Amino acid sequence: MLQTAPRSKRTTAKKAPVHERFREAFRWMLLARTMEEKLVSLYRGGHITGGVYIGKGQEAISVACGLFLEKNDIFAPLIRDQAGRSAFGEPLVDVARTYLGSRLGPMRGRDGNIHRGRPSDNQLAMISHLGAMVSATVGALMAKRFKGEKKFVGLTAIGEGGMQTGSCHEGMNIAAVEQVPLVVVAFASHDLVERAIGYGFEGYSLDGTDLNACLDVIGSAVKRARAGRPPQLVVAAMLRLSGHGEHDDASYVTDEIKRQPFAQDCLKLAEKKIVDLELVDAETLRSWRDDAAAKVEEAITTAQQDPQPAGEKEDWCALHTRELLDQME
């Protein structure tokens, strides 16, 4: 069974044989896709308040972002990074509790569906997908440096639209000036990688639908950053295979775009490679699907049985402030 590994043991991915690493990454992708399909079903059934934003088609890039990070690293995932979140160690029940508004979840049912995180475990809660997490990640890396820590990296992702924001520019600029061990994974067209030169980053491009390429290029970028090389910019070409959210039918995506190579489904391509290379047999693939479905059902069932926040009874003090107040009492 695929377990969410403790962060102290998440160093095996970088040392695993290529085929073993590919199989592990595929299973995280499968779990993320299964979970998000369940969330879509709950949303359409009226069981989720707010929006549902899935990463269908982006799982190969996302899982590579989370798979190579270690306990002491900083990960700042975005709203479509479920595969990477799971690979980094996020409990699946945290996802379910956040979307279903449980007061036992990381946001205590107080926030929307997309801002969950566990900063104490080095997974930053998302502020915004429009560049803010680049600056937040750089700040976290500089804080770790000031504390005298070593051999850590930070990784975040951003779309090409978000790269136009001041927060993104400022974060990348200070990362280059201070030479912090940062990896930025951007989703865009092939020529965006040319920005790396202007920022003083090392830049690399990849096919975001190819799991093997994602593991190779992103894993190598993390390794270079950890070794003290300049900040890394990885540009991945792919198409999100859903609308902005489940309220959006993506009718603006033309049939011509959908026929492009970058519009292929990375999960289907990864499964085809597994079958073609005979990495596992059909029975094992079925067991992986069943295992993913069982884990999702367990997380959802747990969250559905949790207590909901009661506005008039809740302690609305911020979590960090409450900890400080408790220490003073």
C-alpha atoms as a PDB file:
ATOM      1  CA  MET A   1       0.000   0.000   0.000  1.00  0.00           C
ATOM      2  CA  LEU A   2       1.160   3.530  -0.743  1.00  0.00           C
ATOM      3  CA  GLN A   3       1.638   5.396   2.496  1.00  0.00           C
ATOM      4  CA  THR A   4       2.243   9.071   3.173  1.00  0.00           C
ATOM      5  CA  ALA A   5       5.860   8.826   4.259  1.00  0.00           C
ATOM      6  CA  PRO A   6       7.190  10.847   7.208  1.00  0.00           C
ATOM      7  CA  ARG A   7       9.273  13.766   5.981  1.00  0.00           C
ATOM      8  CA  SER A   8      12.348  12.392   7.758  1.00  0.00           C
ATOM      9  CA  LYS A   9      12.230   9.395   5.420  1.00  0.00           C
ATOM     10  CA  ARG A  10      11.429  11.196   2.185  1.00  0.00           C
ATOM     11  CA  THR A  11      15.032  11.050   0.955  1.00  0.00           C
ATOM     12  CA  THR A  12      14.599   7.757  -0.903  1.00  0.00           C
ATOM     13  CA  ALA A  13      13.170   9.190  -4.137  1.00  0.00           C
ATOM     14  CA  LYS A  14      16.437  10.735  -5.283  1.00  0.00           C
ATOM     15  CA  LYS A  15      18.312   7.433  -4.703  1.00  0.00           C
ATOM     16  CA  ALA A  16      15.700   5.026  -6.091  1.00  0.00           C
ATOM     17  CA  PRO A  17      16.242   3.192  -9.382  1.00  0.00           C
ATOM     18  CA  VAL A  18      14.599   4.936 -12.331  1.00  0.00           C
ATOM     19  CA  HIS A  19      11.789   2.394 -12.706  1.00  0.00           C
ATOM     20  CA  GLU A  20      11.045   2.329  -8.981  1.00  0.00           C
ATOM     21  CA  ARG A  21      10.934   6.110  -8.861  1.00  0.00           C
ATOM     22  CA  PHE A  22       8.641   6.201 -11.897  1.00  0.00           C
ATOM     23  CA  ARG A  23       6.234   3.727 -10.288  1.00  0.00           C
ATOM     24  CA  GLU A  24       6.150   5.678  -7.040  1.00  0.00           C
ATOM     25  CA  ALA A  25       5.498   8.951  -8.871  1.00  0.00           C
ATOM     26  CA  PHE A  26       2.721   7.364 -10.920  1.00  0.00           C
ATOM     27  CA  ARG A  27       0.981   6.155  -7.764  1.00  0.00           C
ATOM     28  CA  TRP A  28       1.028   9.653  -6.241  1.00  0.00           C
ATOM     29  CA  MET A  29      -0.403  10.979  -9.515  1.00  0.00           C
ATOM     30  CA  LEU A  30      -3.115   8.330  -9.465  1.00  0.00           C
ATOM     31  CA  LEU A  31      -3.995   9.146  -5.859  1.00  0.00           C
ATOM     32  CA  ALA A  32      -4.232  12.867  -6.652  1.00  0.00           C
ATOM     33  CA  ARG A  33      -6.431  12.277  -9.705  1.00  0.00           C
ATOM     34  CA  THR A  34      -8.700   9.936  -7.729  1.00  0.00           C
ATOM     35  CA  MET A  35      -9.025  12.427  -4.883  1.00  0.00           C
ATOM     36  CA  GLU A  36      -9.800  15.335  -7.157  1.00  0.00           C
ATOM     37  CA  GLU A  37     -12.383  13.368  -9.128  1.00  0.00           C
ATOM     38  CA  LYS A  38     -14.103  12.641  -5.807  1.00  0.00           C
ATOM     39  CA  LEU A  39     -14.006  16.329  -4.874  1.00  0.00           C
ATOM     40  CA  VAL A  40     -15.583  17.218  -8.224  1.00  0.00           C
ATOM     41  CA  SER A  41     -18.356  14.696  -7.572  1.00  0.00           C
ATOM     42  CA  LEU A  42     -18.996  16.131  -4.095  1.00  0.00           C
ATOM     43  CA  TYR A  43     -19.020  19.669  -5.474  1.00  0.00           C
ATOM     44  CA  ARG A  44     -21.545  18.829  -8.165  1.00  0.00           C
ATOM     45  CA  GLY A  45     -23.659  17.090  -5.550  1.00  0.00           C
ATOM     46  CA  GLY A  46     -23.804  20.256  -3.461  1.00  0.00           C
ATOM     47  CA  HIS A  47     -21.631  18.956  -0.611  1.00  0.00           C
ATOM     48  CA  ILE A  48     -18.790  21.474  -0.984  1.00  0.00           C
ATOM     49  CA  THR A  49     -19.189  25.192  -0.351  1.00  0.00           C
ATOM     50  CA  GLY A  50     -16.965  27.400  -2.474  1.00  0.00           C
ATOM     51  CA  GLY A  51     -14.913  26.364  -5.481  1.00  0.00           C
ATOM     52  CA  VAL A  52     -13.053  23.233  -6.487  1.00  0.00           C
ATOM     53  CA  TYR A  53      -9.840  23.726  -8.467  1.00  0.00           C
ATOM     54  CA  ILE A  54      -8.152  20.595  -9.775  1.00  0.00           C
ATOM     55  CA  GLY A  55      -4.801  19.884 -11.386  1.00  0.00           C
ATOM     56  CA  LYS A  56      -5.869  17.445 -14.079  1.00  0.00           C
ATOM     57  CA  GLY A  57      -3.050  17.259 -16.603  1.00  0.00           C
ATOM     58  CA  GLN A  58      -0.487  18.827 -14.281  1.00  0.00           C
ATOM     59  CA  GLU A  59       0.170  15.843 -12.039  1.00  0.00           C
ATOM     60  CA  ALA A  60       3.491  14.840 -13.634  1.00  0.00           C
ATOM     61  CA  ILE A  61       5.035  18.235 -12.968  1.00  0.00           C
ATOM     62  CA  SER A  62       3.478  18.486  -9.529  1.00  0.00           C
ATOM     63  CA  VAL A  63       4.627  15.092  -8.276  1.00  0.00           C
ATOM     64  CA  ALA A  64       8.190  15.810  -9.386  1.00  0.00           C
ATOM     65  CA  CYS A  65       8.081  19.028  -7.364  1.00  0.00           C
ATOM     66  CA  GLY A  66       7.212  17.220  -4.141  1.00  0.00           C
ATOM     67  CA  LEU A  67       9.049  13.946  -4.608  1.00  0.00           C
ATOM     68  CA  PHE A  68      12.637  15.166  -4.415  1.00  0.00           C
ATOM     69  CA  LEU A  69      12.266  17.458  -1.414  1.00  0.00           C
ATOM     70  CA  GLU A  70      13.478  16.480   2.048  1.00  0.00           C
ATOM     71  CA  LYS A  71      12.284  17.148   5.588  1.00  0.00           C
ATOM     72  CA  ASN A  72      14.207  20.400   5.987  1.00  0.00           C
ATOM     73  CA  ASP A  73      13.181  21.828   2.598  1.00  0.00           C
ATOM     74  CA  ILE A  74      10.489  24.427   1.940  1.00  0.00           C
ATOM     75  CA  PHE A  75       7.588  23.568  -0.367  1.00  0.00           C
ATOM     76  CA  ALA A  76       5.105  26.234  -1.466  1.00  0.00           C
ATOM     77  CA  PRO A  77       2.517  24.398  -3.603  1.00  0.00           C
ATOM     78  CA  LEU A  78      -0.267  26.080  -5.537  1.00  0.00           C
ATOM     79  CA  ILE A  79      -3.941  25.153  -5.835  1.00  0.00           C
ATOM     80  CA  ARG A  80      -3.388  22.450  -8.483  1.00  0.00           C
ATOM     81  CA  ASP A  81      -0.430  20.755  -6.828  1.00  0.00           C
ATOM     82  CA  GLN A  82      -2.210  17.883  -5.089  1.00  0.00           C
ATOM     83  CA  ALA A  83       0.190  15.264  -6.465  1.00  0.00           C
ATOM     84  CA  GLY A  84       3.173  17.199  -5.147  1.00  0.00           C
ATOM     85  CA  ARG A  85       1.476  17.889  -1.815  1.00  0.00           C
ATOM     86  CA  SER A  86       0.823  14.188  -1.300  1.00  0.00           C
ATOM     87  CA  ALA A  87       4.346  13.203  -2.322  1.00  0.00           C
ATOM     88  CA  PHE A  88       5.729  15.789   0.106  1.00  0.00           C
ATOM     89  CA  GLY A  89       3.742  14.254   2.967  1.00  0.00           C
ATOM     90  CA  GLU A  90       0.397  16.066   3.224  1.00  0.00           C
ATOM     91  CA  PRO A  91      -2.184  13.737   4.828  1.00  0.00           C
ATOM     92  CA  LEU A  92      -5.099  13.099   2.480  1.00  0.00           C
ATOM     93  CA  VAL A  93      -7.522  13.788   5.300  1.00  0.00           C
ATOM     94  CA  ASP A  94      -6.245  17.388   5.400  1.00  0.00           C
ATOM     95  CA  VAL A  95      -7.549  17.810   1.853  1.00  0.00           C
ATOM     96  CA  ALA A  96     -10.930  16.336   2.688  1.00  0.00           C
ATOM     97  CA  ARG A  97     -11.285  18.328   5.898  1.00  0.00           C
ATOM     98  CA  THR A  98     -10.447  21.595   4.184  1.00  0.00           C
ATOM     99  CA  TYR A  99     -12.928  21.129   1.334  1.00  0.00           C
ATOM    100  CA  LEU A 100     -15.679  19.871   3.651  1.00  0.00           C
ATOM    101  CA  GLY A 101     -15.152  22.617   6.230  1.00  0.00           C
ATOM    102  CA  SER A 102     -14.149  20.447   9.192  1.00  0.00           C
ATOM    103  CA  ARG A 103     -13.005  22.299  12.298  1.00  0.00           C
ATOM    104  CA  LEU A 104     -10.373  19.570  12.756  1.00  0.00           C
ATOM    105  CA  GLY A 105      -8.620  20.418   9.499  1.00  0.00           C
ATOM    106  CA  PRO A 106      -5.514  22.585   9.148  1.00  0.00           C
ATOM    107  CA  MET A 107      -7.671  25.676   8.511  1.00  0.00           C
ATOM    108  CA  ARG A 108     -10.230  24.771  11.221  1.00  0.00           C
ATOM    109  CA  GLY A 109     -13.021  25.336   8.714  1.00  0.00           C
ATOM    110  CA  ARG A 110     -12.343  29.078   8.744  1.00  0.00           C
ATOM    111  CA  ASP A 111     -10.792  29.608   5.324  1.00  0.00           C
ATOM    112  CA  GLY A 112     -11.689  28.686   1.774  1.00  0.00           C
ATOM    113  CA  ASN A 113     -10.729  25.498   0.024  1.00  0.00           C
ATOM    114  CA  ILE A 114      -7.324  26.351  -1.373  1.00  0.00           C
ATOM    115  CA  HIS A 115      -5.195  27.975   1.321  1.00  0.00           C
ATOM    116  CA  ARG A 116      -4.361  24.974   3.458  1.00  0.00           C
ATOM    117  CA  GLY A 117      -0.830  24.269   4.600  1.00  0.00           C
ATOM    118  CA  ARG A 118       1.284  23.172   7.540  1.00  0.00           C
ATOM    119  CA  PRO A 119       4.121  25.713   7.920  1.00  0.00           C
ATOM    120  CA  SER A 120       5.488  23.804  10.922  1.00  0.00           C
ATOM    121  CA  ASP A 121       6.143  20.923   8.504  1.00  0.00           C
ATOM    122  CA  ASN A 122       7.645  23.308   5.909  1.00  0.00           C
ATOM    123  CA  GLN A 123       4.606  23.241   3.605  1.00  0.00           C
ATOM    124  CA  LEU A 124       3.587  26.871   3.251  1.00  0.00           C
ATOM    125  CA  ALA A 125      -0.094  27.761   3.096  1.00  0.00           C
ATOM    126  CA  MET A 126      -0.847  29.333  -0.262  1.00  0.00           C
ATOM    127  CA  ILE A 127      -1.421  33.084  -0.155  1.00  0.00           C
ATOM    128  CA  SER A 128      -2.033  33.554  -3.866  1.00  0.00           C
ATOM    129  CA  HIS A 129      -1.053  31.872  -7.120  1.00  0.00           C
ATOM    130  CA  LEU A 130      -0.175  35.277  -8.599  1.00  0.00           C
ATOM    131  CA  GLY A 131       3.472  35.429  -7.631  1.00  0.00           C
ATOM    132  CA  ALA A 132       3.150  35.750  -3.877  1.00  0.00           C
ATOM    133  CA  MET A 133       4.610  32.347  -3.101  1.00  0.00           C
ATOM    134  CA  VAL A 134       7.889  33.123  -4.862  1.00  0.00           C
ATOM    135  CA  SER A 135       8.547  35.928  -2.403  1.00  0.00           C
ATOM    136  CA  ALA A 136       7.283  33.888   0.545  1.00  0.00           C
ATOM    137  CA  THR A 137       9.557  30.981  -0.354  1.00  0.00           C
ATOM    138  CA  VAL A 138      12.598  33.234  -0.769  1.00  0.00           C
ATOM    139  CA  GLY A 139      11.855  34.804   2.616  1.00  0.00           C
ATOM    140  CA  ALA A 140      11.596  31.397   4.266  1.00  0.00           C
ATOM    141  CA  LEU A 141      14.907  30.323   2.716  1.00  0.00           C
ATOM    142  CA  MET A 142      16.668  33.463   3.903  1.00  0.00           C
ATOM    143  CA  ALA A 143      15.301  32.906   7.419  1.00  0.00           C
ATOM    144  CA  LYS A 144      16.732  29.388   7.427  1.00  0.00           C
ATOM    145  CA  ARG A 145      20.081  30.755   6.296  1.00  0.00           C
ATOM    146  CA  PHE A 146      20.058  33.367   9.067  1.00  0.00           C
ATOM    147  CA  LYS A 147      19.530  30.515  11.545  1.00  0.00           C
ATOM    148  CA  GLY A 148      22.654  28.818  10.254  1.00  0.00           C
ATOM    149  CA  GLU A 149      20.899  25.897   8.573  1.00  0.00           C
ATOM    150  CA  LYS A 150      22.516  24.241   5.558  1.00  0.00           C
ATOM    151  CA  LYS A 151      21.751  21.872   2.663  1.00  0.00           C
ATOM    152  CA  PHE A 152      18.132  22.958   2.207  1.00  0.00           C
ATOM    153  CA  VAL A 153      16.191  24.094  -0.854  1.00  0.00           C
ATOM    154  CA  GLY A 154      12.856  25.756  -1.497  1.00  0.00           C
ATOM    155  CA  LEU A 155      10.501  25.050  -4.377  1.00  0.00           C
ATOM    156  CA  THR A 156       7.382  26.738  -5.671  1.00  0.00           C
ATOM    157  CA  ALA A 157       5.416  26.849  -8.927  1.00  0.00           C
ATOM    158  CA  ILE A 158       3.847  29.626 -10.960  1.00  0.00           C
ATOM    159  CA  GLY A 159       2.049  30.168 -14.252  1.00  0.00           C
ATOM    160  CA  GLU A 160       3.316  32.516 -16.939  1.00  0.00           C
ATOM    161  CA  GLY A 161       0.594  35.041 -16.087  1.00  0.00           C
ATOM    162  CA  GLY A 162       1.676  35.153 -12.458  1.00  0.00           C
ATOM    163  CA  MET A 163       5.233  35.858 -13.547  1.00  0.00           C
ATOM    164  CA  GLN A 164       4.145  39.328 -14.625  1.00  0.00           C
ATOM    165  CA  THR A 165       3.451  40.409 -11.040  1.00  0.00           C
ATOM    166  CA  GLY A 166       5.700  42.581  -8.931  1.00  0.00           C
ATOM    167  CA  SER A 167       5.857  40.042  -6.117  1.00  0.00           C
ATOM    168  CA  CYS A 168       7.229  37.383  -8.456  1.00  0.00           C
ATOM    169  CA  HIS A 169       9.796  39.736  -9.993  1.00  0.00           C
ATOM    170  CA  GLU A 170      10.954  40.992  -6.611  1.00  0.00           C
ATOM    171  CA  GLY A 171      11.205  37.482  -5.193  1.00  0.00           C
ATOM    172  CA  MET A 172      13.210  36.151  -8.131  1.00  0.00           C
ATOM    173  CA  ASN A 173      15.450  39.199  -8.112  1.00  0.00           C
ATOM    174  CA  ILE A 174      16.350  38.911  -4.418  1.00  0.00           C
ATOM    175  CA  ALA A 175      16.801  35.139  -4.855  1.00  0.00           C
ATOM    176  CA  ALA A 176      19.447  35.780  -7.502  1.00  0.00           C
ATOM    177  CA  VAL A 177      21.115  38.596  -5.556  1.00  0.00           C
ATOM    178  CA  GLU A 178      21.290  36.553  -2.347  1.00  0.00           C
ATOM    179  CA  GLN A 179      21.895  33.253  -4.185  1.00  0.00           C
ATOM    180  CA  VAL A 180      19.279  31.371  -2.173  1.00  0.00           C
ATOM    181  CA  PRO A 181      18.673  27.690  -3.066  1.00  0.00           C
ATOM    182  CA  LEU A 182      15.393  28.261  -4.889  1.00  0.00           C
ATOM    183  CA  VAL A 183      13.680  26.228  -7.603  1.00  0.00           C
ATOM    184  CA  VAL A 184      10.785  27.849  -9.489  1.00  0.00           C
ATOM    185  CA  VAL A 185       8.707  25.646 -11.779  1.00  0.00           C
ATOM    186  CA  ALA A 186       6.769  27.678 -14.328  1.00  0.00           C
ATOM    187  CA  PHE A 187       3.944  26.539 -16.599  1.00  0.00           C
ATOM    188  CA  ALA A 188       4.224  28.279 -19.950  1.00  0.00           C
ATOM    189  CA  SER A 189       5.328  28.297 -23.558  1.00  0.00           C
ATOM    190  CA  HIS A 190       8.870  27.248 -24.449  1.00  0.00           C
ATOM    191  CA  ASP A 191      10.417  30.705 -24.750  1.00  0.00           C
ATOM    192  CA  LEU A 192       9.704  31.725 -21.152  1.00  0.00           C
ATOM    193  CA  VAL A 193      12.903  29.986 -20.077  1.00  0.00           C
ATOM    194  CA  GLU A 194      14.864  32.870 -21.612  1.00  0.00           C
ATOM    195  CA  ARG A 195      13.885  34.918 -18.557  1.00  0.00           C
ATOM    196  CA  ALA A 196      16.279  32.830 -16.505  1.00  0.00           C
ATOM    197  CA  ILE A 197      19.241  34.665 -18.011  1.00  0.00           C
ATOM    198  CA  GLY A 198      17.868  38.072 -17.076  1.00  0.00           C
ATOM    199  CA  TYR A 199      17.309  37.056 -13.475  1.00  0.00           C
ATOM    200  CA  GLY A 200      20.638  35.289 -13.082  1.00  0.00           C
ATOM    201  CA  PHE A 201      18.963  31.874 -12.794  1.00  0.00           C
ATOM    202  CA  GLU A 202      19.860  28.631 -14.540  1.00  0.00           C
ATOM    203  CA  GLY A 203      16.989  27.738 -16.872  1.00  0.00           C
ATOM    204  CA  TYR A 204      15.670  24.462 -18.253  1.00  0.00           C
ATOM    205  CA  SER A 205      12.651  23.471 -20.364  1.00  0.00           C
ATOM    206  CA  LEU A 206      10.669  20.246 -20.367  1.00  0.00           C
ATOM    207  CA  ASP A 207       7.555  18.517 -21.683  1.00  0.00           C
ATOM    208  CA  GLY A 208       5.133  18.722 -18.774  1.00  0.00           C
ATOM    209  CA  THR A 209       3.151  15.720 -20.016  1.00  0.00           C
ATOM    210  CA  ASP A 210       6.189  13.393 -19.767  1.00  0.00           C
ATOM    211  CA  LEU A 211       6.567  12.046 -16.238  1.00  0.00           C
ATOM    212  CA  ASN A 212      10.071  10.772 -16.877  1.00  0.00           C
ATOM    213  CA  ALA A 213      11.207  14.187 -18.138  1.00  0.00           C
ATOM    214  CA  CYS A 214       9.580  15.908 -15.146  1.00  0.00           C
ATOM    215  CA  LEU A 215      11.359  13.612 -12.699  1.00  0.00           C
ATOM    216  CA  ASP A 216      14.685  14.031 -14.463  1.00  0.00           C
ATOM    217  CA  VAL A 217      14.680  17.802 -15.004  1.00  0.00           C
ATOM    218  CA  ILE A 218      13.025  18.902 -11.760  1.00  0.00           C
ATOM    219  CA  GLY A 219      14.971  16.366  -9.710  1.00  0.00           C
ATOM    220  CA  SER A 220      18.213  17.640 -11.235  1.00  0.00           C
ATOM    221  CA  ALA A 221      17.206  21.258 -10.556  1.00  0.00           C
ATOM    222  CA  VAL A 222      16.610  20.450  -6.872  1.00  0.00           C
ATOM    223  CA  LYS A 223      19.994  18.704  -6.713  1.00  0.00           C
ATOM    224  CA  ARG A 224      21.781  21.679  -8.304  1.00  0.00           C
ATOM    225  CA  ALA A 225      20.116  24.141  -5.930  1.00  0.00           C
ATOM    226  CA  ARG A 226      21.036  22.003  -2.932  1.00  0.00           C
ATOM    227  CA  ALA A 227      24.649  21.907  -4.132  1.00  0.00           C
ATOM    228  CA  GLY A 228      24.903  25.700  -4.118  1.00  0.00           C
ATOM    229  CA  ARG A 229      24.328  26.465  -7.793  1.00  0.00           C
ATOM    230  CA  PRO A 230      22.356  29.608  -8.766  1.00  0.00           C
ATOM    231  CA  PRO A 231      18.542  29.603  -8.379  1.00  0.00           C
ATOM    232  CA  GLN A 232      16.806  27.317 -10.870  1.00  0.00           C
ATOM    233  CA  LEU A 233      13.941  28.096 -13.286  1.00  0.00           C
ATOM    234  CA  VAL A 234      12.212  25.110 -14.877  1.00  0.00           C
ATOM    235  CA  VAL A 235       9.644  25.840 -17.594  1.00  0.00           C
ATOM    236  CA  ALA A 236       7.118  23.103 -18.357  1.00  0.00           C
ATOM    237  CA  ALA A 237       4.848  23.117 -21.409  1.00  0.00           C
ATOM    238  CA  MET A 238       1.421  21.570 -20.745  1.00  0.00           C
ATOM    239  CA  LEU A 239      -2.305  22.290 -20.817  1.00  0.00           C
ATOM    240  CA  ARG A 240      -4.587  22.112 -17.794  1.00  0.00           C
ATOM    241  CA  LEU A 241      -7.261  19.587 -18.766  1.00  0.00           C
ATOM    242  CA  SER A 242     -10.070  21.323 -16.920  1.00  0.00           C
ATOM    243  CA  GLY A 243     -11.478  24.794 -16.502  1.00  0.00           C
ATOM    244  CA  HIS A 244     -10.184  27.349 -14.026  1.00  0.00           C
ATOM    245  CA  GLY A 245     -12.519  25.728 -11.508  1.00  0.00           C
ATOM    246  CA  GLU A 246     -15.370  23.262 -11.649  1.00  0.00           C
ATOM    247  CA  HIS A 247     -17.742  26.186 -12.191  1.00  0.00           C
ATOM    248  CA  ASP A 248     -15.960  26.787 -15.520  1.00  0.00           C
ATOM    249  CA  ASP A 249     -16.522  24.481 -18.522  1.00  0.00           C
ATOM    250  CA  ALA A 250     -13.316  25.605 -20.318  1.00  0.00           C
ATOM    251  CA  SER A 251     -15.282  26.236 -23.523  1.00  0.00           C
ATOM    252  CA  TYR A 252     -12.662  28.818 -24.498  1.00  0.00           C
ATOM    253  CA  VAL A 253     -10.109  26.043 -25.139  1.00  0.00           C
ATOM    254  CA  THR A 254     -10.364  25.265 -28.849  1.00  0.00           C
ATOM    255  CA  ASP A 255     -10.284  21.805 -30.401  1.00  0.00           C
ATOM    256  CA  GLU A 256      -7.071  22.783 -32.172  1.00  0.00           C
ATOM    257  CA  ILE A 257      -5.368  23.462 -28.845  1.00  0.00           C
ATOM    258  CA  LYS A 258      -6.645  20.176 -27.424  1.00  0.00           C
ATOM    259  CA  ARG A 259      -4.936  18.318 -30.284  1.00  0.00           C
ATOM    260  CA  GLN A 260      -1.505  19.757 -29.492  1.00  0.00           C
ATOM    261  CA  PRO A 261       1.179  17.502 -27.951  1.00  0.00           C
ATOM    262  CA  PHE A 262       1.238  19.578 -24.758  1.00  0.00           C
ATOM    263  CA  ALA A 263      -2.493  18.866 -24.265  1.00  0.00           C
ATOM    264  CA  GLN A 264      -2.040  15.132 -23.664  1.00  0.00           C
ATOM    265  CA  ASP A 265      -3.037  13.567 -20.344  1.00  0.00           C
ATOM    266  CA  CYS A 266       0.149  12.947 -18.361  1.00  0.00           C
ATOM    267  CA  LEU A 267      -1.489  10.246 -16.232  1.00  0.00           C
ATOM    268  CA  LYS A 268      -2.565   8.232 -19.267  1.00  0.00           C
ATOM    269  CA  LEU A 269       0.872   8.635 -20.846  1.00  0.00           C
ATOM    270  CA  ALA A 270       2.580   7.457 -17.650  1.00  0.00           C
ATOM    271  CA  GLU A 271       0.293   4.436 -17.414  1.00  0.00           C
ATOM    272  CA  LYS A 272       0.975   3.578 -21.054  1.00  0.00           C
ATOM    273  CA  LYS A 273       4.719   3.655 -20.382  1.00  0.00           C
ATOM    274  CA  ILE A 274       4.264   1.383 -17.383  1.00  0.00           C
ATOM    275  CA  VAL A 275       2.332  -1.096 -19.535  1.00  0.00           C
ATOM    276  CA  ASP A 276       4.677  -0.850 -22.523  1.00  0.00           C
ATOM    277  CA  LEU A 277       7.799  -1.361 -20.398  1.00  0.00           C
ATOM    278  CA  GLU A 278       6.073  -4.041 -18.311  1.00  0.00           C
ATOM    279  CA  LEU A 279       6.999  -2.286 -15.091  1.00  0.00           C
ATOM    280  CA  VAL A 280       3.987  -3.900 -13.390  1.00  0.00           C
ATOM    281  CA  ASP A 281       1.254  -6.268 -14.492  1.00  0.00           C
ATOM    282  CA  ALA A 282      -2.451  -5.526 -15.031  1.00  0.00           C
ATOM    283  CA  GLU A 283      -3.434  -6.974 -11.661  1.00  0.00           C
ATOM    284  CA  THR A 284      -1.022  -4.675  -9.856  1.00  0.00           C
ATOM    285  CA  LEU A 285      -2.372  -1.646 -11.709  1.00  0.00           C
ATOM    286  CA  ARG A 286      -5.902  -2.597 -10.639  1.00  0.00           C
ATOM    287  CA  SER A 287      -4.750  -2.974  -7.050  1.00  0.00           C
ATOM    288  CA  TRP A 288      -3.175   0.500  -7.174  1.00  0.00           C
ATOM    289  CA  ARG A 289      -6.460   1.998  -8.372  1.00  0.00           C
ATOM    290  CA  ASP A 290      -8.391   0.161  -5.677  1.00  0.00           C
ATOM    291  CA  ASP A 291      -5.925   1.292  -3.037  1.00  0.00           C
ATOM    292  CA  ALA A 292      -6.187   4.931  -4.142  1.00  0.00           C
ATOM    293  CA  ALA A 293      -9.989   4.766  -4.110  1.00  0.00           C
ATOM    294  CA  ALA A 294      -9.989   3.214  -0.625  1.00  0.00           C
ATOM    295  CA  LYS A 295      -7.691   5.920   0.758  1.00  0.00           C
ATOM    296  CA  VAL A 296      -9.851   8.665  -0.734  1.00  0.00           C
ATOM    297  CA  GLU A 297     -13.044   7.152   0.671  1.00  0.00           C
ATOM    298  CA  GLU A 298     -11.450   6.830   4.101  1.00  0.00           C
ATOM    299  CA  ALA A 299     -10.359  10.482   4.093  1.00  0.00           C
ATOM    300  CA  ILE A 300     -13.750  11.724   2.900  1.00  0.00           C
ATOM    301  CA  THR A 301     -15.675   9.580   5.389  1.00  0.00           C
ATOM    302  CA  THR A 302     -13.513  10.825   8.248  1.00  0.00           C
ATOM    303  CA  ALA A 303     -14.034  14.462   7.269  1.00  0.00           C
ATOM    304  CA  GLN A 304     -17.792  14.010   6.860  1.00  0.00           C
ATOM    305  CA  GLN A 305     -18.029  12.757  10.427  1.00  0.00           C
ATOM    306  CA  ASP A 306     -16.001  15.643  11.867  1.00  0.00           C
ATOM    307  CA  PRO A 307     -17.653  18.509  13.756  1.00  0.00           C
ATOM    308  CA  GLN A 308     -18.301  21.709  11.818  1.00  0.00           C
ATOM    309  CA  PRO A 309     -17.252  25.122  13.135  1.00  0.00           C
ATOM    310  CA  ALA A 310     -19.883  26.975  15.145  1.00  0.00           C
ATOM    311  CA  GLY A 311     -19.450  30.695  14.527  1.00  0.00           C
ATOM    312  CA  GLU A 312     -20.745  31.895  17.866  1.00  0.00           C
ATOM    313  CA  LYS A 313     -18.583  29.440  19.820  1.00  0.00           C
ATOM    314  CA  GLU A 314     -15.304  29.495  17.908  1.00  0.00           C
ATOM    315  CA  ASP A 315     -12.110  31.056  19.196  1.00  0.00           C
ATOM    316  CA  TRP A 316     -11.367  33.270  16.206  1.00  0.00           C
ATOM    317  CA  CYS A 317      -7.882  34.138  17.408  1.00  0.00           C
ATOM    318  CA  ALA A 318      -5.248  33.391  14.745  1.00  0.00           C
ATOM    319  CA  LEU A 319      -3.551  30.053  15.321  1.00  0.00           C
ATOM    320  CA  HIS A 320      -0.070  31.498  15.805  1.00  0.00           C
ATOM    321  CA  THR A 321      -1.358  34.284  18.052  1.00  0.00           C
ATOM    322  CA  ARG A 322      -3.276  31.759  20.147  1.00  0.00           C
ATOM    323  CA  GLU A 323      -0.072  29.781  20.740  1.00  0.00           C
ATOM    324  CA  LEU A 324       1.664  32.951  21.944  1.00  0.00           C
ATOM    325  CA  LEU A 325      -1.235  33.845  24.232  1.00  0.00           C
ATOM    326  CA  ASP A 326      -1.329  30.339  25.677  1.00  0.00           C
ATOM    327  CA  GLN A 327       2.375  30.627  26.515  1.00  0.00           C
ATOM    328  CA  MET A 328       1.756  33.912  28.345  1.00  0.00           C
ATOM    329  CA  GLU A 329      -1.110  32.603  30.455  1.00  0.00           C
END
